[in-house]
Amino acid sequence: MKEELEKLAFKYFCGLFNEEELHEWMQKELDQNKNPDPDMYDLNAKAPYEAAKILLKIAKDKYGFEPYSLGSEPVARKIFKELAEAYLKREVGPLQFCTVIQHLDTIYGDSECDYDEKRGLHIPRYGHWWGDLWNCCDCCDETWTHENKQHIEDELRLVLSQLD
């Protein structure tokens, strides 16, 4: 349940709202937990952004999960891979994809660096595993399509080929 809750909370945090997925998680939580978090009952009646706040509160209270932490990175990577696959299948458009990339860059983009003397470079301790997608998504708006912004797909394929 921990992994499912953290993943769902992070998805909602990034604006990836899926009511069916939310209801499935809620049902599992009710079936498996005799004393579910009382905030869970508020999820049904809330708009997606309010549900995101509640999910994040539950995840933090139960497991100490916070999206603005390096500890959320494994969850973010899983969501990124799923979203990347959906983007390549054209199930997700550039605006939704780029919005998530902006969230990733906000959370992980300003990590501390180590100096690599051999190469003379400052290397982020927390590598930018989303490659140059942030730049590819710069200024994205609702006019962007898969057809007129091929550079996103090109960079995404490169990133996926290098991602473990």
N, C-alpha and C. Protein backbone atom coordinates (compact mmCIF):
# COMPACT_ATOMS: atom_id res chain seq x y z
N MET A 1 0.82 -1.20 0.00
CA MET A 1 0.00 0.00 0.00
C MET A 1 0.86 1.27 0.00
N LYS A 2 2.03 1.18 0.64
CA LYS A 2 2.90 2.35 0.72
C LYS A 2 3.28 2.84 -0.68
N GLU A 3 3.76 1.92 -1.51
CA GLU A 3 4.20 2.31 -2.85
C GLU A 3 3.04 2.87 -3.68
N GLU A 4 1.88 2.24 -3.56
CA GLU A 4 0.71 2.70 -4.32
C GLU A 4 0.30 4.11 -3.89
N LEU A 5 0.28 4.33 -2.57
CA LEU A 5 -0.12 5.65 -2.07
C LEU A 5 0.88 6.72 -2.49
N GLU A 6 2.17 6.44 -2.35
CA GLU A 6 3.17 7.43 -2.72
C GLU A 6 3.10 7.74 -4.22
N LYS A 7 2.92 6.72 -5.01
CA LYS A 7 2.83 6.92 -6.46
C LYS A 7 1.59 7.75 -6.82
N LEU A 8 0.46 7.41 -6.24
CA LEU A 8 -0.77 8.14 -6.51
C LEU A 8 -0.66 9.59 -6.05
N ALA A 9 -0.11 9.79 -4.85
CA ALA A 9 0.06 11.15 -4.33
C ALA A 9 0.98 11.98 -5.23
N PHE A 10 2.07 11.36 -5.69
CA PHE A 10 3.01 12.09 -6.55
C PHE A 10 2.37 12.40 -7.90
N LYS A 11 1.60 11.45 -8.44
CA LYS A 11 0.91 11.71 -9.70
C LYS A 11 -0.04 12.89 -9.57
N TYR A 12 -0.83 12.89 -8.51
CA TYR A 12 -1.76 14.00 -8.30
C TYR A 12 -1.00 15.31 -8.09
N PHE A 13 0.09 15.24 -7.38
CA PHE A 13 0.94 16.42 -7.17
C PHE A 13 1.39 17.00 -8.51
N CYS A 14 1.69 16.13 -9.46
CA CYS A 14 2.16 16.57 -10.79
C CYS A 14 1.02 16.90 -11.75
N GLY A 15 -0.21 16.77 -11.29
CA GLY A 15 -1.35 17.09 -12.15
C GLY A 15 -1.84 15.94 -13.00
N LEU A 16 -1.40 14.72 -12.69
CA LEU A 16 -1.84 13.54 -13.43
C LEU A 16 -3.01 12.91 -12.68
N PHE A 17 -4.19 13.50 -12.87
CA PHE A 17 -5.37 13.08 -12.14
C PHE A 17 -6.04 11.90 -12.84
N ASN A 18 -6.37 10.86 -12.06
CA ASN A 18 -7.03 9.69 -12.60
C ASN A 18 -8.02 9.22 -11.53
N GLU A 19 -9.26 9.57 -11.74
CA GLU A 19 -10.28 9.27 -10.75
C GLU A 19 -10.46 7.76 -10.53
N GLU A 20 -10.35 6.99 -11.60
CA GLU A 20 -10.49 5.54 -11.48
C GLU A 20 -9.38 4.96 -10.60
N GLU A 21 -8.16 5.41 -10.83
CA GLU A 21 -7.03 4.95 -10.04
C GLU A 21 -7.20 5.35 -8.57
N LEU A 22 -7.70 6.55 -8.35
CA LEU A 22 -7.95 7.02 -6.99
C LEU A 22 -8.97 6.13 -6.29
N HIS A 23 -10.07 5.82 -6.97
CA HIS A 23 -11.11 4.99 -6.36
C HIS A 23 -10.62 3.56 -6.12
N GLU A 24 -9.79 3.03 -6.99
CA GLU A 24 -9.22 1.70 -6.78
C GLU A 24 -8.35 1.68 -5.53
N TRP A 25 -7.51 2.72 -5.38
CA TRP A 25 -6.66 2.79 -4.19
C TRP A 25 -7.52 2.90 -2.93
N MET A 26 -8.55 3.76 -2.98
CA MET A 26 -9.41 3.93 -1.82
C MET A 26 -10.08 2.62 -1.43
N GLN A 27 -10.55 1.87 -2.42
CA GLN A 27 -11.22 0.60 -2.12
C GLN A 27 -10.25 -0.39 -1.48
N LYS A 28 -9.03 -0.47 -2.02
CA LYS A 28 -8.03 -1.36 -1.42
C LYS A 28 -7.72 -0.96 0.01
N GLU A 29 -7.57 0.34 0.20
CA GLU A 29 -7.27 0.86 1.54
C GLU A 29 -8.39 0.49 2.52
N LEU A 30 -9.63 0.62 2.10
CA LEU A 30 -10.76 0.27 2.96
C LEU A 30 -10.83 -1.23 3.21
N ASP A 31 -10.52 -2.02 2.19
CA ASP A 31 -10.56 -3.48 2.32
C ASP A 31 -9.45 -4.01 3.23
N GLN A 32 -8.28 -3.36 3.20
CA GLN A 32 -7.12 -3.89 3.92
C GLN A 32 -6.84 -3.21 5.25
N ASN A 33 -7.51 -2.13 5.53
CA ASN A 33 -7.20 -1.37 6.72
C ASN A 33 -8.47 -1.15 7.53
N LYS A 34 -8.48 -1.68 8.74
CA LYS A 34 -9.67 -1.53 9.59
C LYS A 34 -9.85 -0.10 10.08
N ASN A 35 -8.75 0.62 10.16
CA ASN A 35 -8.80 2.01 10.60
C ASN A 35 -8.12 2.92 9.58
N PRO A 36 -8.77 3.15 8.44
CA PRO A 36 -8.13 4.00 7.42
C PRO A 36 -8.02 5.44 7.89
N ASP A 37 -7.12 6.14 7.28
CA ASP A 37 -6.95 7.56 7.61
C ASP A 37 -8.28 8.27 7.40
N PRO A 38 -8.75 9.02 8.39
CA PRO A 38 -10.05 9.68 8.26
C PRO A 38 -10.10 10.69 7.11
N ASP A 39 -8.94 11.24 6.73
CA ASP A 39 -8.92 12.19 5.60
C ASP A 39 -9.30 11.51 4.29
N MET A 40 -9.15 10.20 4.23
CA MET A 40 -9.44 9.48 2.99
C MET A 40 -10.91 9.67 2.57
N TYR A 41 -11.79 9.79 3.53
CA TYR A 41 -13.21 9.92 3.22
C TYR A 41 -13.53 11.25 2.53
N ASP A 42 -12.64 12.20 2.64
CA ASP A 42 -12.85 13.49 1.99
C ASP A 42 -12.45 13.49 0.51
N LEU A 43 -11.79 12.45 0.06
CA LEU A 43 -11.28 12.43 -1.31
C LEU A 43 -12.38 12.42 -2.36
N ASN A 44 -13.48 11.74 -2.11
CA ASN A 44 -14.54 11.62 -3.10
C ASN A 44 -15.14 12.96 -3.50
N ALA A 45 -15.31 13.82 -2.55
CA ALA A 45 -16.03 15.07 -2.81
C ALA A 45 -15.13 16.22 -3.25
N LYS A 46 -13.86 15.96 -3.41
CA LYS A 46 -12.93 17.05 -3.68
C LYS A 46 -12.54 17.14 -5.14
N ALA A 47 -12.25 18.35 -5.56
CA ALA A 47 -11.68 18.58 -6.89
C ALA A 47 -10.27 17.99 -6.90
N PRO A 48 -9.75 17.68 -8.09
CA PRO A 48 -8.43 17.02 -8.17
C PRO A 48 -7.32 17.71 -7.38
N TYR A 49 -7.24 19.04 -7.43
CA TYR A 49 -6.15 19.72 -6.71
C TYR A 49 -6.32 19.61 -5.20
N GLU A 50 -7.56 19.58 -4.75
CA GLU A 50 -7.81 19.38 -3.32
C GLU A 50 -7.50 17.93 -2.94
N ALA A 51 -7.86 17.00 -3.82
CA ALA A 51 -7.55 15.58 -3.57
C ALA A 51 -6.04 15.40 -3.48
N ALA A 52 -5.29 16.11 -4.31
CA ALA A 52 -3.83 16.01 -4.27
C ALA A 52 -3.30 16.40 -2.89
N LYS A 53 -3.82 17.47 -2.33
CA LYS A 53 -3.39 17.90 -1.01
C LYS A 53 -3.69 16.84 0.05
N ILE A 54 -4.86 16.23 -0.06
CA ILE A 54 -5.25 15.21 0.91
C ILE A 54 -4.37 13.97 0.76
N LEU A 55 -4.14 13.53 -0.47
CA LEU A 55 -3.28 12.37 -0.71
C LEU A 55 -1.88 12.61 -0.17
N LEU A 56 -1.34 13.80 -0.42
CA LEU A 56 -0.01 14.12 0.07
C LEU A 56 0.03 14.14 1.60
N LYS A 57 -1.03 14.64 2.21
CA LYS A 57 -1.09 14.65 3.68
C LYS A 57 -1.11 13.22 4.22
N ILE A 58 -1.93 12.37 3.62
CA ILE A 58 -2.00 10.98 4.07
C ILE A 58 -0.65 10.29 3.90
N ALA A 59 -0.02 10.49 2.72
CA ALA A 59 1.28 9.86 2.46
C ALA A 59 2.34 10.35 3.43
N LYS A 60 2.29 11.63 3.76
CA LYS A 60 3.27 12.16 4.71
C LYS A 60 3.01 11.63 6.12
N ASP A 61 1.75 11.64 6.53
CA ASP A 61 1.41 11.17 7.87
C ASP A 61 1.73 9.69 8.06
N LYS A 62 1.43 8.87 7.05
CA LYS A 62 1.63 7.42 7.18
C LYS A 62 3.07 6.98 6.95
N TYR A 63 3.73 7.60 5.96
CA TYR A 63 5.03 7.08 5.53
C TYR A 63 6.14 8.13 5.48
N GLY A 64 5.82 9.36 5.83
CA GLY A 64 6.84 10.41 5.78
C GLY A 64 7.18 10.85 4.36
N PHE A 65 6.31 10.49 3.41
CA PHE A 65 6.57 10.80 2.00
C PHE A 65 6.28 12.27 1.71
N GLU A 66 7.25 12.91 1.04
CA GLU A 66 7.08 14.29 0.59
C GLU A 66 7.64 14.40 -0.82
N PRO A 67 6.90 15.04 -1.73
CA PRO A 67 7.40 15.15 -3.10
C PRO A 67 8.66 16.01 -3.21
N TYR A 68 8.78 17.02 -2.36
CA TYR A 68 9.96 17.89 -2.41
C TYR A 68 11.09 17.31 -1.58
N SER A 69 11.49 16.10 -1.94
CA SER A 69 12.61 15.47 -1.25
C SER A 69 13.28 14.52 -2.21
N LEU A 70 14.55 14.27 -1.96
CA LEU A 70 15.27 13.32 -2.81
C LEU A 70 14.73 11.91 -2.61
N GLY A 71 14.09 11.66 -1.48
CA GLY A 71 13.51 10.35 -1.23
C GLY A 71 12.34 10.01 -2.14
N SER A 72 11.78 11.00 -2.79
CA SER A 72 10.66 10.74 -3.70
C SER A 72 11.13 10.34 -5.10
N GLU A 73 12.43 10.38 -5.34
CA GLU A 73 12.97 10.13 -6.68
C GLU A 73 12.60 8.77 -7.27
N PRO A 74 12.66 7.67 -6.52
CA PRO A 74 12.27 6.39 -7.12
C PRO A 74 10.82 6.40 -7.63
N VAL A 75 9.94 7.03 -6.89
CA VAL A 75 8.54 7.15 -7.31
C VAL A 75 8.46 8.01 -8.57
N ALA A 76 9.19 9.11 -8.59
CA ALA A 76 9.18 10.01 -9.74
C ALA A 76 9.68 9.31 -11.00
N ARG A 77 10.71 8.50 -10.85
CA ARG A 77 11.24 7.77 -12.01
C ARG A 77 10.21 6.81 -12.60
N LYS A 78 9.51 6.10 -11.74
CA LYS A 78 8.48 5.17 -12.21
C LYS A 78 7.39 5.92 -12.97
N ILE A 79 6.96 7.02 -12.40
CA ILE A 79 5.92 7.81 -13.05
C ILE A 79 6.43 8.38 -14.36
N PHE A 80 7.67 8.84 -14.36
CA PHE A 80 8.27 9.37 -15.58
C PHE A 80 8.28 8.32 -16.69
N LYS A 81 8.70 7.11 -16.35
CA LYS A 81 8.75 6.04 -17.36
C LYS A 81 7.36 5.74 -17.92
N GLU A 82 6.37 5.67 -17.05
CA GLU A 82 5.00 5.44 -17.50
C GLU A 82 4.51 6.56 -18.40
N LEU A 83 4.79 7.79 -17.97
CA LEU A 83 4.37 8.95 -18.75
C LEU A 83 5.10 9.00 -20.09
N ALA A 84 6.37 8.65 -20.09
CA ALA A 84 7.15 8.64 -21.33
C ALA A 84 6.56 7.65 -22.33
N GLU A 85 6.22 6.47 -21.84
CA GLU A 85 5.60 5.46 -22.72
C GLU A 85 4.26 5.97 -23.26
N ALA A 86 3.48 6.58 -22.40
CA ALA A 86 2.19 7.12 -22.84
C ALA A 86 2.39 8.24 -23.87
N TYR A 87 3.42 9.05 -23.67
CA TYR A 87 3.70 10.13 -24.62
C TYR A 87 4.08 9.55 -25.98
N LEU A 88 4.94 8.56 -25.98
CA LEU A 88 5.39 7.96 -27.24
C LEU A 88 4.24 7.24 -27.97
N LYS A 89 3.26 6.77 -27.21
CA LYS A 89 2.07 6.15 -27.81
C LYS A 89 1.02 7.20 -28.18
N ARG A 90 1.34 8.45 -27.87
CA ARG A 90 0.46 9.60 -28.15
C ARG A 90 -0.84 9.56 -27.34
N GLU A 91 -0.75 8.98 -26.16
CA GLU A 91 -1.87 8.98 -25.23
C GLU A 91 -1.86 10.22 -24.35
N VAL A 92 -0.72 10.90 -24.34
CA VAL A 92 -0.51 12.12 -23.56
C VAL A 92 0.08 13.16 -24.50
N GLY A 93 -0.40 14.38 -24.41
CA GLY A 93 0.10 15.44 -25.27
C GLY A 93 1.27 16.19 -24.65
N PRO A 94 1.89 17.05 -25.44
CA PRO A 94 3.05 17.81 -24.97
C PRO A 94 2.78 18.66 -23.72
N LEU A 95 1.63 19.29 -23.64
CA LEU A 95 1.38 20.17 -22.50
C LEU A 95 1.36 19.39 -21.19
N GLN A 96 0.66 18.29 -21.15
CA GLN A 96 0.61 17.48 -19.93
C GLN A 96 1.99 16.91 -19.63
N PHE A 97 2.68 16.41 -20.64
CA PHE A 97 4.01 15.86 -20.44
C PHE A 97 4.96 16.92 -19.91
N CYS A 98 4.97 18.07 -20.53
CA CYS A 98 5.90 19.14 -20.14
C CYS A 98 5.59 19.70 -18.76
N THR A 99 4.34 19.67 -18.36
CA THR A 99 3.99 20.11 -17.01
C THR A 99 4.66 19.22 -15.97
N VAL A 100 4.67 17.92 -16.22
CA VAL A 100 5.33 17.00 -15.29
C VAL A 100 6.84 17.23 -15.29
N ILE A 101 7.42 17.46 -16.47
CA ILE A 101 8.86 17.74 -16.55
C ILE A 101 9.19 18.98 -15.73
N GLN A 102 8.34 19.99 -15.77
CA GLN A 102 8.57 21.20 -14.95
C GLN A 102 8.57 20.85 -13.47
N HIS A 103 7.65 19.98 -13.05
CA HIS A 103 7.62 19.55 -11.64
C HIS A 103 8.92 18.83 -11.27
N LEU A 104 9.37 17.94 -12.14
CA LEU A 104 10.62 17.20 -11.86
C LEU A 104 11.79 18.16 -11.74
N ASP A 105 11.87 19.12 -12.63
CA ASP A 105 12.97 20.06 -12.59
C ASP A 105 12.91 20.93 -11.34
N THR A 106 11.71 21.30 -10.93
CA THR A 106 11.55 22.10 -9.71
C THR A 106 12.03 21.33 -8.49
N ILE A 107 11.70 20.05 -8.44
CA ILE A 107 12.05 19.24 -7.27
C ILE A 107 13.52 18.85 -7.27
N TYR A 108 14.01 18.36 -8.40
CA TYR A 108 15.34 17.75 -8.43
C TYR A 108 16.39 18.56 -9.18
N GLY A 109 16.00 19.60 -9.87
CA GLY A 109 16.92 20.31 -10.75
C GLY A 109 18.01 21.11 -10.09
N ASP A 110 17.82 21.49 -8.86
CA ASP A 110 18.81 22.33 -8.18
C ASP A 110 19.58 21.57 -7.11
N SER A 111 19.86 20.31 -7.39
CA SER A 111 20.57 19.50 -6.40
C SER A 111 22.01 19.97 -6.24
N GLU A 112 22.58 19.62 -5.11
CA GLU A 112 23.97 19.98 -4.85
C GLU A 112 24.89 19.24 -5.81
N CYS A 113 26.07 19.79 -6.01
CA CYS A 113 27.01 19.20 -6.96
C CYS A 113 28.30 18.76 -6.26
N ASP A 114 28.93 17.78 -6.88
CA ASP A 114 30.27 17.36 -6.50
C ASP A 114 31.20 17.78 -7.63
N TYR A 115 32.43 18.10 -7.28
CA TYR A 115 33.39 18.49 -8.30
C TYR A 115 34.17 17.26 -8.75
N ASP A 116 34.14 16.98 -10.03
CA ASP A 116 34.88 15.87 -10.63
C ASP A 116 36.20 16.45 -11.15
N GLU A 117 37.27 16.26 -10.37
CA GLU A 117 38.56 16.84 -10.74
C GLU A 117 39.07 16.30 -12.07
N LYS A 118 38.86 15.04 -12.30
CA LYS A 118 39.34 14.40 -13.52
C LYS A 118 38.77 15.08 -14.77
N ARG A 119 37.48 15.37 -14.72
CA ARG A 119 36.83 16.00 -15.87
C ARG A 119 36.69 17.50 -15.73
N GLY A 120 36.97 18.03 -14.55
CA GLY A 120 36.85 19.46 -14.34
C GLY A 120 35.41 19.94 -14.41
N LEU A 121 34.48 19.12 -13.94
CA LEU A 121 33.06 19.45 -14.01
C LEU A 121 32.40 19.35 -12.65
N HIS A 122 31.38 20.15 -12.47
CA HIS A 122 30.51 19.99 -11.32
C HIS A 122 29.39 19.05 -11.74
N ILE A 123 29.27 17.92 -11.06
CA ILE A 123 28.30 16.90 -11.40
C ILE A 123 27.20 16.91 -10.33
N PRO A 124 25.95 17.10 -10.74
CA PRO A 124 24.88 17.05 -9.74
C PRO A 124 24.86 15.70 -9.04
N ARG A 125 24.75 15.72 -7.73
CA ARG A 125 24.66 14.47 -6.97
C ARG A 125 23.39 13.74 -7.40
N TYR A 126 22.46 14.53 -7.76
CA TYR A 126 21.18 13.98 -8.16
C TYR A 126 21.03 14.26 -9.63
N GLY A 127 21.55 13.37 -10.45
CA GLY A 127 21.61 13.58 -11.89
C GLY A 127 20.29 13.97 -12.53
N HIS A 128 20.38 14.76 -13.55
CA HIS A 128 19.19 15.16 -14.30
C HIS A 128 18.83 14.03 -15.23
N TRP A 129 18.20 13.00 -14.71
CA TRP A 129 17.90 11.81 -15.47
C TRP A 129 16.82 12.04 -16.51
N TRP A 130 16.24 13.22 -16.55
CA TRP A 130 15.26 13.54 -17.59
C TRP A 130 15.92 14.29 -18.74
N GLY A 131 17.27 14.26 -18.75
CA GLY A 131 18.03 14.82 -19.87
C GLY A 131 17.76 16.29 -20.11
N ASP A 132 17.60 16.64 -21.37
CA ASP A 132 17.36 18.03 -21.75
C ASP A 132 15.88 18.29 -22.01
N LEU A 133 15.03 17.45 -21.45
CA LEU A 133 13.59 17.62 -21.68
C LEU A 133 13.07 18.93 -21.13
N TRP A 134 13.70 19.42 -20.07
CA TRP A 134 13.24 20.71 -19.53
C TRP A 134 13.39 21.79 -20.59
N ASN A 135 14.53 21.82 -21.26
CA ASN A 135 14.71 22.82 -22.32
C ASN A 135 13.79 22.55 -23.50
N CYS A 136 13.60 21.28 -23.81
CA CYS A 136 12.69 20.93 -24.92
C CYS A 136 11.26 21.40 -24.64
N CYS A 137 10.90 21.45 -23.37
CA CYS A 137 9.54 21.82 -22.98
C CYS A 137 9.39 23.31 -22.68
N ASP A 138 10.47 24.04 -22.76
CA ASP A 138 10.42 25.47 -22.45
C ASP A 138 9.37 26.18 -23.30
N CYS A 139 8.53 26.94 -22.67
CA CYS A 139 7.47 27.74 -23.31
C CYS A 139 6.35 26.89 -23.91
N CYS A 140 6.20 25.66 -23.46
CA CYS A 140 5.14 24.79 -23.96
C CYS A 140 3.77 25.40 -23.66
N ASP A 141 2.88 25.31 -24.63
CA ASP A 141 1.51 25.74 -24.42
C ASP A 141 0.56 24.82 -25.18
N GLU A 142 -0.72 25.14 -25.15
CA GLU A 142 -1.73 24.26 -25.73
C GLU A 142 -1.65 24.16 -27.25
N THR A 143 -0.85 24.99 -27.90
CA THR A 143 -0.70 24.88 -29.36
C THR A 143 0.30 23.80 -29.77
N TRP A 144 1.06 23.30 -28.82
CA TRP A 144 2.07 22.29 -29.13
C TRP A 144 1.38 20.94 -29.37
N THR A 145 1.85 20.25 -30.39
CA THR A 145 1.36 18.91 -30.71
C THR A 145 2.55 17.99 -30.91
N HIS A 146 2.27 16.73 -31.01
CA HIS A 146 3.34 15.76 -31.31
C HIS A 146 3.96 16.09 -32.68
N GLU A 147 3.13 16.50 -33.59
CA GLU A 147 3.60 16.76 -34.95
C GLU A 147 4.49 18.00 -35.06
N ASN A 148 4.15 19.05 -34.34
CA ASN A 148 4.93 20.28 -34.49
C ASN A 148 6.04 20.44 -33.45
N LYS A 149 6.20 19.45 -32.59
CA LYS A 149 7.27 19.51 -31.58
C LYS A 149 7.98 18.16 -31.48
N GLN A 150 8.48 17.70 -32.60
CA GLN A 150 9.16 16.41 -32.69
C GLN A 150 10.40 16.34 -31.79
N HIS A 151 10.99 17.50 -31.49
CA HIS A 151 12.20 17.50 -30.67
C HIS A 151 11.98 16.91 -29.28
N ILE A 152 10.76 16.99 -28.77
CA ILE A 152 10.47 16.38 -27.46
C ILE A 152 10.59 14.86 -27.56
N GLU A 153 9.98 14.29 -28.59
CA GLU A 153 10.05 12.85 -28.76
C GLU A 153 11.48 12.38 -29.00
N ASP A 154 12.23 13.13 -29.78
CA ASP A 154 13.62 12.77 -30.04
C ASP A 154 14.43 12.73 -28.75
N GLU A 155 14.29 13.77 -27.92
CA GLU A 155 15.01 13.82 -26.65
C GLU A 155 14.51 12.74 -25.70
N LEU A 156 13.23 12.50 -25.70
CA LEU A 156 12.66 11.49 -24.82
C LEU A 156 13.20 10.10 -25.16
N ARG A 157 13.31 9.79 -26.43
CA ARG A 157 13.87 8.49 -26.83
C ARG A 157 15.34 8.38 -26.38
N LEU A 158 16.08 9.46 -26.49
CA LEU A 158 17.47 9.47 -26.03
C LEU A 158 17.54 9.25 -24.52
N VAL A 159 16.71 9.95 -23.78
CA VAL A 159 16.69 9.81 -22.32
C VAL A 159 16.33 8.39 -21.92
N LEU A 160 15.33 7.82 -22.54
CA LEU A 160 14.90 6.47 -22.20
C LEU A 160 15.98 5.44 -22.52
N SER A 161 16.75 5.68 -23.55
CA SER A 161 17.82 4.74 -23.90
C SER A 161 18.96 4.76 -22.87
N GLN A 162 19.05 5.83 -22.11
CA GLN A 162 20.12 5.98 -21.12
C GLN A 162 19.65 5.75 -19.69
N LEU A 163 18.35 5.63 -19.52
CA LEU A 163 17.77 5.47 -18.18
C LEU A 163 17.83 4.01 -17.77
N ASP A 164 18.25 3.76 -16.54
CA ASP A 164 18.32 2.36 -16.07
C ASP A 164 16.95 1.81 -15.78
